[in-house]
Amino acid sequence: MTRKRMQLGQRGEQLALEAVKQIGYRPVHLNYRCPLGELDLIAKDGDTLVFIEIKTRSAGDTGPAKEAVDRRKQRRLSRLALNYLKTHGGLDTRSRFDVVAVGLSEDQPKIEIVKNAFELLY
């Protein structure tokens, strides 16, 4: 991954974190890593644990960021979430998957929060 791409992702993650805080989510983990991979953000929305995938696009990138979470990615995120719930004693915890799409352009960033973006796949 190029340095420019990493900076784009970090900027998108920061904007996404600020956006979900503004609507009342309480962050639990940012960039949670385990042997299976990484979850961008885990937060609480009331009594629901939310696994959040953040997708950032610059002005020159094609396609909406939220469309980058295809079925393959959903399966991987589902496995990561189940692993998190097992290792943190939360299998009986209400949870869901959200996608935060961050569009960066020369103007104001555009942030879209898609609640309950997909169901658990495994």
PDB file of N, CA and C in Angstrom:
ATOM      1  N   MET A   1       0.850  -1.174   0.000  1.00  0.00           N
ATOM      2  CA  MET A   1       0.000   0.000   0.000  1.00  0.00           C
ATOM      3  C   MET A   1       0.897   1.239   0.000  1.00  0.00           C
ATOM      4  N   THR A   2       0.565   2.182  -0.853  1.00  0.00           N
ATOM      5  CA  THR A   2       1.386   3.381  -0.955  1.00  0.00           C
ATOM      6  C   THR A   2       1.146   4.315   0.229  1.00  0.00           C
ATOM      7  N   ARG A   3       2.108   5.166   0.456  1.00  0.00           N
ATOM      8  CA  ARG A   3       2.009   6.137   1.549  1.00  0.00           C
ATOM      9  C   ARG A   3       0.779   7.044   1.367  1.00  0.00           C
ATOM     10  N   LYS A   4       0.540   7.461   0.113  1.00  0.00           N
ATOM     11  CA  LYS A   4      -0.606   8.332  -0.179  1.00  0.00           C
ATOM     12  C   LYS A   4      -1.919   7.626   0.169  1.00  0.00           C
ATOM     13  N   ARG A   5      -2.005   6.351  -0.191  1.00  0.00           N
ATOM     14  CA  ARG A   5      -3.214   5.559   0.078  1.00  0.00           C
ATOM     15  C   ARG A   5      -3.426   5.376   1.591  1.00  0.00           C
ATOM     16  N   MET A   6      -2.319   5.155   2.313  1.00  0.00           N
ATOM     17  CA  MET A   6      -2.411   5.012   3.769  1.00  0.00           C
ATOM     18  C   MET A   6      -2.899   6.308   4.414  1.00  0.00           C
ATOM     19  N   GLN A   7      -2.398   7.438   3.929  1.00  0.00           N
ATOM     20  CA  GLN A   7      -2.824   8.732   4.463  1.00  0.00           C
ATOM     21  C   GLN A   7      -4.296   8.983   4.162  1.00  0.00           C
ATOM     22  N   LEU A   8      -4.741   8.595   2.980  1.00  0.00           N
ATOM     23  CA  LEU A   8      -6.151   8.735   2.607  1.00  0.00           C
ATOM     24  C   LEU A   8      -7.018   7.916   3.572  1.00  0.00           C
ATOM     25  N   GLY A   9      -6.613   6.665   3.820  1.00  0.00           N
ATOM     26  CA  GLY A   9      -7.356   5.809   4.736  1.00  0.00           C
ATOM     27  C   GLY A   9      -7.398   6.352   6.150  1.00  0.00           C
ATOM     28  N   GLN A  10      -6.277   6.870   6.625  1.00  0.00           N
ATOM     29  CA  GLN A  10      -6.227   7.427   7.977  1.00  0.00           C
ATOM     30  C   GLN A  10      -7.121   8.662   8.093  1.00  0.00           C
ATOM     31  N   ARG A  11      -7.115   9.503   7.074  1.00  0.00           N
ATOM     32  CA  ARG A  11      -7.980  10.690   7.067  1.00  0.00           C
ATOM     33  C   ARG A  11      -9.453  10.274   7.082  1.00  0.00           C
ATOM     34  N   GLY A  12      -9.789   9.282   6.271  1.00  0.00           N
ATOM     35  CA  GLY A  12     -11.158   8.778   6.248  1.00  0.00           C
ATOM     36  C   GLY A  12     -11.573   8.185   7.580  1.00  0.00           C
ATOM     37  N   GLU A  13     -10.680   7.432   8.219  1.00  0.00           N
ATOM     38  CA  GLU A  13     -10.999   6.850   9.525  1.00  0.00           C
ATOM     39  C   GLU A  13     -11.246   7.931  10.567  1.00  0.00           C
ATOM     40  N   GLN A  14     -10.438   8.986  10.549  1.00  0.00           N
ATOM     41  CA  GLN A  14     -10.630  10.078  11.504  1.00  0.00           C
ATOM     42  C   GLN A  14     -11.970  10.775  11.292  1.00  0.00           C
ATOM     43  N   LEU A  15     -12.303  11.057  10.029  1.00  0.00           N
ATOM     44  CA  LEU A  15     -13.588  11.698   9.723  1.00  0.00           C
ATOM     45  C   LEU A  15     -14.757  10.791  10.100  1.00  0.00           C
ATOM     46  N   ALA A  16     -14.630   9.500   9.839  1.00  0.00           N
ATOM     47  CA  ALA A  16     -15.689   8.546  10.184  1.00  0.00           C
ATOM     48  C   ALA A  16     -15.874   8.478  11.690  1.00  0.00           C
ATOM     49  N   LEU A  17     -14.774   8.444  12.424  1.00  0.00           N
ATOM     50  CA  LEU A  17     -14.847   8.394  13.887  1.00  0.00           C
ATOM     51  C   LEU A  17     -15.578   9.618  14.425  1.00  0.00           C
ATOM     52  N   GLU A  18     -15.233  10.788  13.922  1.00  0.00           N
ATOM     53  CA  GLU A  18     -15.908  12.016  14.351  1.00  0.00           C
ATOM     54  C   GLU A  18     -17.398  11.963  14.013  1.00  0.00           C
ATOM     55  N   ALA A  19     -17.741  11.451  12.833  1.00  0.00           N
ATOM     56  CA  ALA A  19     -19.140  11.395  12.402  1.00  0.00           C
ATOM     57  C   ALA A  19     -19.969  10.466  13.278  1.00  0.00           C
ATOM     58  N   VAL A  20     -19.434   9.293  13.611  1.00  0.00           N
ATOM     59  CA  VAL A  20     -20.229   8.369  14.432  1.00  0.00           C
ATOM     60  C   VAL A  20     -20.339   8.869  15.869  1.00  0.00           C
ATOM     61  N   LYS A  21     -19.333   9.575  16.353  1.00  0.00           N
ATOM     62  CA  LYS A  21     -19.437  10.181  17.691  1.00  0.00           C
ATOM     63  C   LYS A  21     -20.553  11.229  17.712  1.00  0.00           C
ATOM     64  N   GLN A  22     -20.653  11.994  16.623  1.00  0.00           N
ATOM     65  CA  GLN A  22     -21.669  13.051  16.545  1.00  0.00           C
ATOM     66  C   GLN A  22     -23.087  12.496  16.604  1.00  0.00           C
ATOM     67  N   ILE A  23     -23.283  11.266  16.140  1.00  0.00           N
ATOM     68  CA  ILE A  23     -24.641  10.707  16.195  1.00  0.00           C
ATOM     69  C   ILE A  23     -24.831   9.806  17.419  1.00  0.00           C
ATOM     70  N   GLY A  24     -23.865   9.831  18.342  1.00  0.00           N
ATOM     71  CA  GLY A  24     -24.058   9.169  19.624  1.00  0.00           C
ATOM     72  C   GLY A  24     -23.372   7.833  19.822  1.00  0.00           C
ATOM     73  N   TYR A  25     -22.629   7.350  18.856  1.00  0.00           N
ATOM     74  CA  TYR A  25     -21.898   6.094  19.048  1.00  0.00           C
ATOM     75  C   TYR A  25     -20.757   6.348  20.046  1.00  0.00           C
ATOM     76  N   ARG A  26     -20.443   5.309  20.817  1.00  0.00           N
ATOM     77  CA  ARG A  26     -19.307   5.367  21.737  1.00  0.00           C
ATOM     78  C   ARG A  26     -18.238   4.395  21.242  1.00  0.00           C
ATOM     79  N   PRO A  27     -17.088   4.913  20.791  1.00  0.00           N
ATOM     80  CA  PRO A  27     -16.032   4.033  20.277  1.00  0.00           C
ATOM     81  C   PRO A  27     -15.519   3.063  21.334  1.00  0.00           C
ATOM     82  N   VAL A  28     -15.284   1.825  20.922  1.00  0.00           N
ATOM     83  CA  VAL A  28     -14.737   0.791  21.797  1.00  0.00           C
ATOM     84  C   VAL A  28     -13.317   0.449  21.341  1.00  0.00           C
ATOM     85  N   HIS A  29     -13.133   0.216  20.041  1.00  0.00           N
ATOM     86  CA  HIS A  29     -11.822  -0.105  19.463  1.00  0.00           C
ATOM     87  C   HIS A  29     -11.702   0.544  18.088  1.00  0.00           C
ATOM     88  N   LEU A  30     -10.547   1.135  17.829  1.00  0.00           N
ATOM     89  CA  LEU A  30     -10.219   1.630  16.504  1.00  0.00           C
ATOM     90  C   LEU A  30      -9.097   0.755  15.970  1.00  0.00           C
ATOM     91  N   ASN A  31      -9.273   0.232  14.762  1.00  0.00           N
ATOM     92  CA  ASN A  31      -8.281  -0.662  14.143  1.00  0.00           C
ATOM     93  C   ASN A  31      -7.998  -1.880  15.021  1.00  0.00           C
ATOM     94  N   TYR A  32      -9.048  -2.591  15.386  1.00  0.00           N
ATOM     95  CA  TYR A  32      -8.907  -3.811  16.186  1.00  0.00           C
ATOM     96  C   TYR A  32      -8.276  -4.904  15.324  1.00  0.00           C
ATOM     97  N   ARG A  33      -7.143  -5.426  15.778  1.00  0.00           N
ATOM     98  CA  ARG A  33      -6.428  -6.459  15.025  1.00  0.00           C
ATOM     99  C   ARG A  33      -6.422  -7.775  15.786  1.00  0.00           C
ATOM    100  N   CYS A  34      -6.548  -8.860  15.018  1.00  0.00           N
ATOM    101  CA  CYS A  34      -6.432 -10.212  15.553  1.00  0.00           C
ATOM    102  C   CYS A  34      -5.804 -11.057  14.447  1.00  0.00           C
ATOM    103  N   PRO A  35      -5.496 -12.319  14.705  1.00  0.00           N
ATOM    104  CA  PRO A  35      -4.869 -13.143  13.663  1.00  0.00           C
ATOM    105  C   PRO A  35      -5.684 -13.260  12.366  1.00  0.00           C
ATOM    106  N   LEU A  36      -6.987 -13.047  12.420  1.00  0.00           N
ATOM    107  CA  LEU A  36      -7.832 -13.155  11.233  1.00  0.00           C
ATOM    108  C   LEU A  36      -7.845 -11.896  10.373  1.00  0.00           C
ATOM    109  N   GLY A  37      -7.408 -10.774  10.933  1.00  0.00           N
ATOM    110  CA  GLY A  37      -7.429  -9.528  10.176  1.00  0.00           C
ATOM    111  C   GLY A  37      -7.711  -8.339  11.064  1.00  0.00           C
ATOM    112  N   GLU A  38      -8.348  -7.331  10.480  1.00  0.00           N
ATOM    113  CA  GLU A  38      -8.597  -6.078  11.189  1.00  0.00           C
ATOM    114  C   GLU A  38     -10.019  -5.585  10.983  1.00  0.00           C
ATOM    115  N   LEU A  39     -10.598  -5.078  12.068  1.00  0.00           N
ATOM    116  CA  LEU A  39     -11.877  -4.383  12.021  1.00  0.00           C
ATOM    117  C   LEU A  39     -11.567  -2.892  12.169  1.00  0.00           C
ATOM    118  N   ASP A  40     -12.102  -2.076  11.271  1.00  0.00           N
ATOM    119  CA  ASP A  40     -11.773  -0.652  11.291  1.00  0.00           C
ATOM    120  C   ASP A  40     -12.205   0.028  12.582  1.00  0.00           C
ATOM    121  N   LEU A  41     -13.442  -0.219  12.990  1.00  0.00           N
ATOM    122  CA  LEU A  41     -13.966   0.455  14.171  1.00  0.00           C
ATOM    123  C   LEU A  41     -15.041  -0.408  14.814  1.00  0.00           C
ATOM    124  N   ILE A  42     -14.994  -0.490  16.132  1.00  0.00           N
ATOM    125  CA  ILE A  42     -16.046  -1.154  16.904  1.00  0.00           C
ATOM    126  C   ILE A  42     -16.564  -0.098  17.865  1.00  0.00           C
ATOM    127  N   ALA A  43     -17.879   0.061  17.907  1.00  0.00           N
ATOM    128  CA  ALA A  43     -18.487   1.092  18.744  1.00  0.00           C
ATOM    129  C   ALA A  43     -19.784   0.568  19.353  1.00  0.00           C
ATOM    130  N   LYS A  44     -20.263   1.283  20.339  1.00  0.00           N
ATOM    131  CA  LYS A  44     -21.563   0.982  20.939  1.00  0.00           C
ATOM    132  C   LYS A  44     -22.558   2.035  20.483  1.00  0.00           C
ATOM    133  N   ASP A  45     -23.736   1.573  20.072  1.00  0.00           N
ATOM    134  CA  ASP A  45     -24.859   2.437  19.733  1.00  0.00           C
ATOM    135  C   ASP A  45     -25.978   1.997  20.662  1.00  0.00           C
ATOM    136  N   GLY A  46     -26.108   2.673  21.772  1.00  0.00           N
ATOM    137  CA  GLY A  46     -27.024   2.214  22.810  1.00  0.00           C
ATOM    138  C   GLY A  46     -26.500   0.909  23.364  1.00  0.00           C
ATOM    139  N   ASP A  47     -27.342  -0.142  23.324  1.00  0.00           N
ATOM    140  CA  ASP A  47     -26.908  -1.452  23.825  1.00  0.00           C
ATOM    141  C   ASP A  47     -26.430  -2.376  22.699  1.00  0.00           C
ATOM    142  N   THR A  48     -26.247  -1.828  21.505  1.00  0.00           N
ATOM    143  CA  THR A  48     -25.826  -2.612  20.348  1.00  0.00           C
ATOM    144  C   THR A  48     -24.339  -2.388  20.064  1.00  0.00           C
ATOM    145  N   LEU A  49     -23.618  -3.484  19.882  1.00  0.00           N
ATOM    146  CA  LEU A  49     -22.220  -3.418  19.473  1.00  0.00           C
ATOM    147  C   LEU A  49     -22.191  -3.332  17.955  1.00  0.00           C
ATOM    148  N   VAL A  50     -21.516  -2.330  17.430  1.00  0.00           N
ATOM    149  CA  VAL A  50     -21.527  -2.076  16.000  1.00  0.00           C
ATOM    150  C   VAL A  50     -20.122  -2.282  15.428  1.00  0.00           C
ATOM    151  N   PHE A  51     -20.034  -3.166  14.434  1.00  0.00           N
ATOM    152  CA  PHE A  51     -18.790  -3.400  13.714  1.00  0.00           C
ATOM    153  C   PHE A  51     -18.856  -2.529  12.466  1.00  0.00           C
ATOM    154  N   ILE A  52     -17.918  -1.600  12.352  1.00  0.00           N
ATOM    155  CA  ILE A  52     -17.993  -0.587  11.311  1.00  0.00           C
ATOM    156  C   ILE A  52     -16.839  -0.743  10.325  1.00  0.00           C
ATOM    157  N   GLU A  53     -17.189  -0.872   9.066  1.00  0.00           N
ATOM    158  CA  GLU A  53     -16.204  -0.884   7.986  1.00  0.00           C
ATOM    159  C   GLU A  53     -16.185   0.515   7.391  1.00  0.00           C
ATOM    160  N   ILE A  54     -15.011   1.102   7.306  1.00  0.00           N
ATOM    161  CA  ILE A  54     -14.858   2.457   6.780  1.00  0.00           C
ATOM    162  C   ILE A  54     -14.246   2.369   5.393  1.00  0.00           C
ATOM    163  N   LYS A  55     -14.911   2.970   4.433  1.00  0.00           N
ATOM    164  CA  LYS A  55     -14.429   2.995   3.061  1.00  0.00           C
ATOM    165  C   LYS A  55     -14.252   4.444   2.631  1.00  0.00           C
ATOM    166  N   THR A  56     -13.049   4.773   2.209  1.00  0.00           N
ATOM    167  CA  THR A  56     -12.716   6.148   1.832  1.00  0.00           C
ATOM    168  C   THR A  56     -12.350   6.195   0.355  1.00  0.00           C
ATOM    169  N   ARG A  57     -12.870   7.198  -0.320  1.00  0.00           N
ATOM    170  CA  ARG A  57     -12.565   7.405  -1.729  1.00  0.00           C
ATOM    171  C   ARG A  57     -12.152   8.858  -1.925  1.00  0.00           C
ATOM    172  N   SER A  58     -11.171   9.057  -2.774  1.00  0.00           N
ATOM    173  CA  SER A  58     -10.801  10.418  -3.156  1.00  0.00           C
ATOM    174  C   SER A  58     -11.625  10.808  -4.380  1.00  0.00           C
ATOM    175  N   ALA A  59     -11.495  12.044  -4.781  1.00  0.00           N
ATOM    176  CA  ALA A  59     -12.293  12.546  -5.906  1.00  0.00           C
ATOM    177  C   ALA A  59     -12.054  11.758  -7.188  1.00  0.00           C
ATOM    178  N   GLY A  60     -10.844  11.245  -7.401  1.00  0.00           N
ATOM    179  CA  GLY A  60     -10.537  10.545  -8.637  1.00  0.00           C
ATOM    180  C   GLY A  60     -10.917   9.078  -8.653  1.00  0.00           C
ATOM    181  N   ASP A  61     -11.249   8.506  -7.498  1.00  0.00           N
ATOM    182  CA  ASP A  61     -11.613   7.090  -7.433  1.00  0.00           C
ATOM    183  C   ASP A  61     -12.991   6.872  -8.042  1.00  0.00           C
ATOM    184  N   THR A  62     -13.187   5.671  -8.580  1.00  0.00           N
ATOM    185  CA  THR A  62     -14.470   5.383  -9.217  1.00  0.00           C
ATOM    186  C   THR A  62     -15.366   4.574  -8.294  1.00  0.00           C
ATOM    187  N   GLY A  63     -16.646   4.829  -8.381  1.00  0.00           N
ATOM    188  CA  GLY A  63     -17.644   4.065  -7.636  1.00  0.00           C
ATOM    189  C   GLY A  63     -17.793   4.519  -6.198  1.00  0.00           C
ATOM    190  N   PRO A  64     -18.998   4.384  -5.658  1.00  0.00           N
ATOM    191  CA  PRO A  64     -19.250   4.731  -4.265  1.00  0.00           C
ATOM    192  C   PRO A  64     -18.465   3.824  -3.311  1.00  0.00           C
ATOM    193  N   ALA A  65     -17.986   4.393  -2.239  1.00  0.00           N
ATOM    194  CA  ALA A  65     -17.170   3.644  -1.283  1.00  0.00           C
ATOM    195  C   ALA A  65     -17.936   2.475  -0.674  1.00  0.00           C
ATOM    196  N   LYS A  66     -19.233   2.663  -0.418  1.00  0.00           N
ATOM    197  CA  LYS A  66     -19.990   1.593   0.248  1.00  0.00           C
ATOM    198  C   LYS A  66     -20.137   0.352  -0.629  1.00  0.00           C
ATOM    199  N   GLU A  67     -20.017   0.512  -1.950  1.00  0.00           N
ATOM    200  CA  GLU A  67     -20.112  -0.646  -2.850  1.00  0.00           C
ATOM    201  C   GLU A  67     -18.865  -1.529  -2.800  1.00  0.00           C
ATOM    202  N   ALA A  68     -17.805  -1.050  -2.150  1.00  0.00           N
ATOM    203  CA  ALA A  68     -16.565  -1.829  -2.037  1.00  0.00           C
ATOM    204  C   ALA A  68     -16.694  -2.948  -1.005  1.00  0.00           C
ATOM    205  N   VAL A  69     -17.784  -2.972  -0.257  1.00  0.00           N
ATOM    206  CA  VAL A  69     -17.999  -4.026   0.736  1.00  0.00           C
ATOM    207  C   VAL A  69     -18.850  -5.112   0.084  1.00  0.00           C
ATOM    208  N   ASP A  70     -18.181  -5.933  -0.705  1.00  0.00           N
ATOM    209  CA  ASP A  70     -18.863  -7.007  -1.415  1.00  0.00           C
ATOM    210  C   ASP A  70     -19.071  -8.218  -0.498  1.00  0.00           C
ATOM    211  N   ARG A  71     -19.671  -9.266  -1.034  1.00  0.00           N
ATOM    212  CA  ARG A  71     -19.989 -10.454  -0.218  1.00  0.00           C
ATOM    213  C   ARG A  71     -18.740 -11.095   0.371  1.00  0.00           C
ATOM    214  N   ARG A  72     -17.670 -11.111  -0.389  1.00  0.00           N
ATOM    215  CA  ARG A  72     -16.413 -11.682   0.117  1.00  0.00           C
ATOM    216  C   ARG A  72     -15.932 -10.904   1.346  1.00  0.00           C
ATOM    217  N   LYS A  73     -15.963  -9.582   1.246  1.00  0.00           N
ATOM    218  CA  LYS A  73     -15.561  -8.724   2.359  1.00  0.00           C
ATOM    219  C   LYS A  73     -16.531  -8.893   3.529  1.00  0.00           C
ATOM    220  N   GLN A  74     -17.819  -9.033   3.242  1.00  0.00           N
ATOM    221  CA  GLN A  74     -18.812  -9.235   4.298  1.00  0.00           C
ATOM    222  C   GLN A  74     -18.538 -10.527   5.067  1.00  0.00           C
ATOM    223  N   ARG A  75     -18.171 -11.596   4.344  1.00  0.00           N
ATOM    224  CA  ARG A  75     -17.837 -12.865   5.014  1.00  0.00           C
ATOM    225  C   ARG A  75     -16.626 -12.711   5.923  1.00  0.00           C
ATOM    226  N   ARG A  76     -15.604 -12.004   5.422  1.00  0.00           N
ATOM    227  CA  ARG A  76     -14.393 -11.794   6.220  1.00  0.00           C
ATOM    228  C   ARG A  76     -14.713 -10.975   7.468  1.00  0.00           C
ATOM    229  N   LEU A  77     -15.498  -9.916   7.306  1.00  0.00           N
ATOM    230  CA  LEU A  77     -15.883  -9.095   8.446  1.00  0.00           C
ATOM    231  C   LEU A  77     -16.735  -9.880   9.440  1.00  0.00           C
ATOM    232  N   SER A  78     -17.587 -10.752   8.930  1.00  0.00           N
ATOM    233  CA  SER A  78     -18.417 -11.600   9.798  1.00  0.00           C
ATOM    234  C   SER A  78     -17.546 -12.515  10.649  1.00  0.00           C
ATOM    235  N   ARG A  79     -16.537 -13.133  10.030  1.00  0.00           N
ATOM    236  CA  ARG A  79     -15.625 -14.006  10.785  1.00  0.00           C
ATOM    237  C   ARG A  79     -14.871 -13.213  11.850  1.00  0.00           C
ATOM    238  N   LEU A  80     -14.420 -12.018  11.493  1.00  0.00           N
ATOM    239  CA  LEU A  80     -13.714 -11.170  12.451  1.00  0.00           C
ATOM    240  C   LEU A  80     -14.626 -10.788  13.625  1.00  0.00           C
ATOM    241  N   ALA A  81     -15.870 -10.432  13.311  1.00  0.00           N
ATOM    242  CA  ALA A  81     -16.813 -10.040  14.357  1.00  0.00           C
ATOM    243  C   ALA A  81     -17.119 -11.217  15.291  1.00  0.00           C
ATOM    244  N   LEU A  82     -17.340 -12.399  14.721  1.00  0.00           N
ATOM    245  CA  LEU A  82     -17.590 -13.580  15.558  1.00  0.00           C
ATOM    246  C   LEU A  82     -16.391 -13.890  16.445  1.00  0.00           C
ATOM    247  N   ASN A  83     -15.192 -13.765  15.896  1.00  0.00           N
ATOM    248  CA  ASN A  83     -13.987 -13.971  16.690  1.00  0.00           C
ATOM    249  C   ASN A  83     -13.917 -12.960  17.830  1.00  0.00           C
ATOM    250  N   TYR A  84     -14.225 -11.706  17.533  1.00  0.00           N
ATOM    251  CA  TYR A  84     -14.219 -10.666  18.566  1.00  0.00           C
ATOM    252  C   TYR A  84     -15.229 -10.996  19.661  1.00  0.00           C
ATOM    253  N   LEU A  85     -16.442 -11.362  19.270  1.00  0.00           N
ATOM    254  CA  LEU A  85     -17.477 -11.667  20.252  1.00  0.00           C
ATOM    255  C   LEU A  85     -17.090 -12.866  21.112  1.00  0.00           C
ATOM    256  N   LYS A  86     -16.479 -13.898  20.510  1.00  0.00           N
ATOM    257  CA  LYS A  86     -16.049 -15.073  21.265  1.00  0.00           C
ATOM    258  C   LYS A  86     -14.952 -14.723  22.258  1.00  0.00           C
ATOM    259  N   THR A  87     -13.949 -13.981  21.810  1.00  0.00           N
ATOM    260  CA  THR A  87     -12.810 -13.679  22.680  1.00  0.00           C
ATOM    261  C   THR A  87     -13.123 -12.629  23.740  1.00  0.00           C
ATOM    262  N   HIS A  88     -14.171 -11.865  23.543  1.00  0.00           N
ATOM    263  CA  HIS A  88     -14.549 -10.838  24.517  1.00  0.00           C
ATOM    264  C   HIS A  88     -15.834 -11.188  25.270  1.00  0.00           C
ATOM    265  N   GLY A  89     -16.241 -12.441  25.198  1.00  0.00           N
ATOM    266  CA  GLY A  89     -17.411 -12.900  25.952  1.00  0.00           C
ATOM    267  C   GLY A  89     -18.697 -12.203  25.576  1.00  0.00           C
ATOM    268  N   GLY A  90     -18.888 -11.941  24.306  1.00  0.00           N
ATOM    269  CA  GLY A  90     -20.060 -11.188  23.904  1.00  0.00           C
ATOM    270  C   GLY A  90     -20.973 -11.896  22.934  1.00  0.00           C
ATOM    271  N   LEU A  91     -20.970 -13.218  22.923  1.00  0.00           N
ATOM    272  CA  LEU A  91     -21.808 -13.931  21.954  1.00  0.00           C
ATOM    273  C   LEU A  91     -23.299 -13.668  22.143  1.00  0.00           C
ATOM    274  N   ASP A  92     -23.698 -13.237  23.328  1.00  0.00           N
ATOM    275  CA  ASP A  92     -25.109 -12.930  23.555  1.00  0.00           C
ATOM    276  C   ASP A  92     -25.398 -11.431  23.404  1.00  0.00           C
ATOM    277  N   THR A  93     -24.420 -10.686  22.915  1.00  0.00           N
ATOM    278  CA  THR A  93     -24.561  -9.245  22.729  1.00  0.00           C
ATOM    279  C   THR A  93     -25.239  -8.941  21.403  1.00  0.00           C
ATOM    280  N   ARG A  94     -26.177  -8.020  21.419  1.00  0.00           N
ATOM    281  CA  ARG A  94     -26.807  -7.554  20.178  1.00  0.00           C
ATOM    282  C   ARG A  94     -25.739  -6.832  19.362  1.00  0.00           C
ATOM    283  N   SER A  95     -25.656  -7.146  18.082  1.00  0.00           N
ATOM    284  CA  SER A  95     -24.638  -6.506  17.252  1.00  0.00           C
ATOM    285  C   SER A  95     -25.151  -6.325  15.829  1.00  0.00           C
ATOM    286  N   ARG A  96     -24.434  -5.483  15.072  1.00  0.00           N
ATOM    287  CA  ARG A  96     -24.780  -5.253  13.670  1.00  0.00           C
ATOM    288  C   ARG A  96     -23.542  -4.738  12.941  1.00  0.00           C
ATOM    289  N   PHE A  97     -23.681  -4.667  11.616  1.00  0.00           N
ATOM    290  CA  PHE A  97     -22.605  -4.170  10.758  1.00  0.00           C
ATOM    291  C   PHE A  97     -23.055  -2.870  10.096  1.00  0.00           C
ATOM    292  N   ASP A  98     -22.247  -1.846  10.246  1.00  0.00           N
ATOM    293  CA  ASP A  98     -22.476  -0.581   9.563  1.00  0.00           C
ATOM    294  C   ASP A  98     -21.317  -0.339   8.611  1.00  0.00           C
ATOM    295  N   VAL A  99     -21.567   0.445   7.586  1.00  0.00           N
ATOM    296  CA  VAL A  99     -20.512   0.900   6.686  1.00  0.00           C
ATOM    297  C   VAL A  99     -20.539   2.421   6.715  1.00  0.00           C
ATOM    298  N   VAL A 100     -19.351   3.007   6.868  1.00  0.00           N
ATOM    299  CA  VAL A 100     -19.227   4.456   6.768  1.00  0.00           C
ATOM    300  C   VAL A 100     -18.445   4.743   5.497  1.00  0.00           C
ATOM    301  N   ALA A 101     -19.110   5.413   4.570  1.00  0.00           N
ATOM    302  CA  ALA A 101     -18.487   5.775   3.297  1.00  0.00           C
ATOM    303  C   ALA A 101     -18.048   7.235   3.377  1.00  0.00           C
ATOM    304  N   VAL A 102     -16.762   7.452   3.161  1.00  0.00           N
ATOM    305  CA  VAL A 102     -16.196   8.796   3.221  1.00  0.00           C
ATOM    306  C   VAL A 102     -15.716   9.167   1.825  1.00  0.00           C
ATOM    307  N   GLY A 103     -16.273  10.238   1.298  1.00  0.00           N
ATOM    308  CA  GLY A 103     -15.854  10.748  -0.002  1.00  0.00           C
ATOM    309  C   GLY A 103     -15.074  12.029   0.196  1.00  0.00           C
ATOM    310  N   LEU A 104     -13.815  12.013  -0.211  1.00  0.00           N
ATOM    311  CA  LEU A 104     -12.972  13.200  -0.068  1.00  0.00           C
ATOM    312  C   LEU A 104     -12.828  13.873  -1.420  1.00  0.00           C
ATOM    313  N   SER A 105     -13.066  15.149  -1.429  1.00  0.00           N
ATOM    314  CA  SER A 105     -12.892  15.932  -2.649  1.00  0.00           C
ATOM    315  C   SER A 105     -12.305  17.274  -2.244  1.00  0.00           C
ATOM    316  N   GLU A 106     -12.210  18.174  -3.193  1.00  0.00           N
ATOM    317  CA  GLU A 106     -11.671  19.496  -2.894  1.00  0.00           C
ATOM    318  C   GLU A 106     -12.630  20.300  -2.031  1.00  0.00           C
ATOM    319  N   ASP A 107     -13.901  19.977  -2.091  1.00  0.00           N
ATOM    320  CA  ASP A 107     -14.897  20.653  -1.265  1.00  0.00           C
ATOM    321  C   ASP A 107     -14.947  20.001   0.111  1.00  0.00           C
ATOM    322  N   GLN A 108     -16.078  20.051   0.708  1.00  0.00           N
ATOM    323  CA  GLN A 108     -16.336  19.436   2.004  1.00  0.00           C
ATOM    324  C   GLN A 108     -16.383  17.915   1.860  1.00  0.00           C
ATOM    325  N   PRO A 109     -15.806  17.159   2.807  1.00  0.00           N
ATOM    326  CA  PRO A 109     -15.930  15.692   2.745  1.00  0.00           C
ATOM    327  C   PRO A 109     -17.400  15.285   2.845  1.00  0.00           C
ATOM    328  N   LYS A 110     -17.743  14.215   2.142  1.00  0.00           N
ATOM    329  CA  LYS A 110     -19.104  13.690   2.198  1.00  0.00           C
ATOM    330  C   LYS A 110     -19.052  12.369   2.962  1.00  0.00           C
ATOM    331  N   ILE A 111     -19.846  12.283   4.021  1.00  0.00           N
ATOM    332  CA  ILE A 111     -19.835  11.095   4.872  1.00  0.00           C
ATOM    333  C   ILE A 111     -21.238  10.508   4.908  1.00  0.00           C
ATOM    334  N   GLU A 112     -21.327   9.230   4.594  1.00  0.00           N
ATOM    335  CA  GLU A 112     -22.605   8.523   4.624  1.00  0.00           C
ATOM    336  C   GLU A 112     -22.479   7.331   5.571  1.00  0.00           C
ATOM    337  N   ILE A 113     -23.376   7.253   6.533  1.00  0.00           N
ATOM    338  CA  ILE A 113     -23.390   6.147   7.481  1.00  0.00           C
ATOM    339  C   ILE A 113     -24.542   5.228   7.113  1.00  0.00           C
ATOM    340  N   VAL A 114     -24.204   3.983   6.760  1.00  0.00           N
ATOM    341  CA  VAL A 114     -25.206   2.990   6.378  1.00  0.00           C
ATOM    342  C   VAL A 114     -25.367   2.035   7.551  1.00  0.00           C
ATOM    343  N   LYS A 115     -26.447   2.218   8.305  1.00  0.00           N
ATOM    344  CA  LYS A 115     -26.700   1.342   9.450  1.00  0.00           C
ATOM    345  C   LYS A 115     -27.241   0.001   8.970  1.00  0.00           C
ATOM    346  N   ASN A 116     -26.824  -1.046   9.681  1.00  0.00           N
ATOM    347  CA  ASN A 116     -27.276  -2.406   9.367  1.00  0.00           C
ATOM    348  C   ASN A 116     -27.069  -2.693   7.870  1.00  0.00           C
ATOM    349  N   ALA A 117     -25.847  -2.437   7.416  1.00  0.00           N
ATOM    350  CA  ALA A 117     -25.514  -2.509   5.987  1.00  0.00           C
ATOM    351  C   ALA A 117     -25.613  -3.927   5.416  1.00  0.00           C
ATOM    352  N   PHE A 118     -25.358  -4.935   6.242  1.00  0.00           N
ATOM    353  CA  PHE A 118     -25.449  -6.317   5.780  1.00  0.00           C
ATOM    354  C   PHE A 118     -25.625  -7.236   6.973  1.00  0.00           C
ATOM    355  N   GLU A 119     -26.081  -8.444   6.673  1.00  0.00           N
ATOM    356  CA  GLU A 119     -26.301  -9.469   7.688  1.00  0.00           C
ATOM    357  C   GLU A 119     -25.031 -10.296   7.885  1.00  0.00           C
ATOM    358  N   LEU A 120     -24.964 -10.984   8.987  1.00  0.00           N
ATOM    359  CA  LEU A 120     -23.850 -11.882   9.283  1.00  0.00           C
ATOM    360  C   LEU A 120     -23.755 -12.960   8.206  1.00  0.00           C
ATOM    361  N   LEU A 121     -22.566 -13.121   7.623  1.00  0.00           N
ATOM    362  CA  LEU A 121     -22.311 -14.163   6.627  1.00  0.00           C
ATOM    363  C   LEU A 121     -21.148 -15.006   7.110  1.00  0.00           C
ATOM    364  N   TYR A 122     -21.264 -16.318   6.990  1.00  0.00           N
ATOM    365  CA  TYR A 122     -20.121 -17.182   7.350  1.00  0.00           C
ATOM    366  C   TYR A 122     -20.167 -18.466   6.593  1.00  0.00           C
TER     367      TYR A 122
END
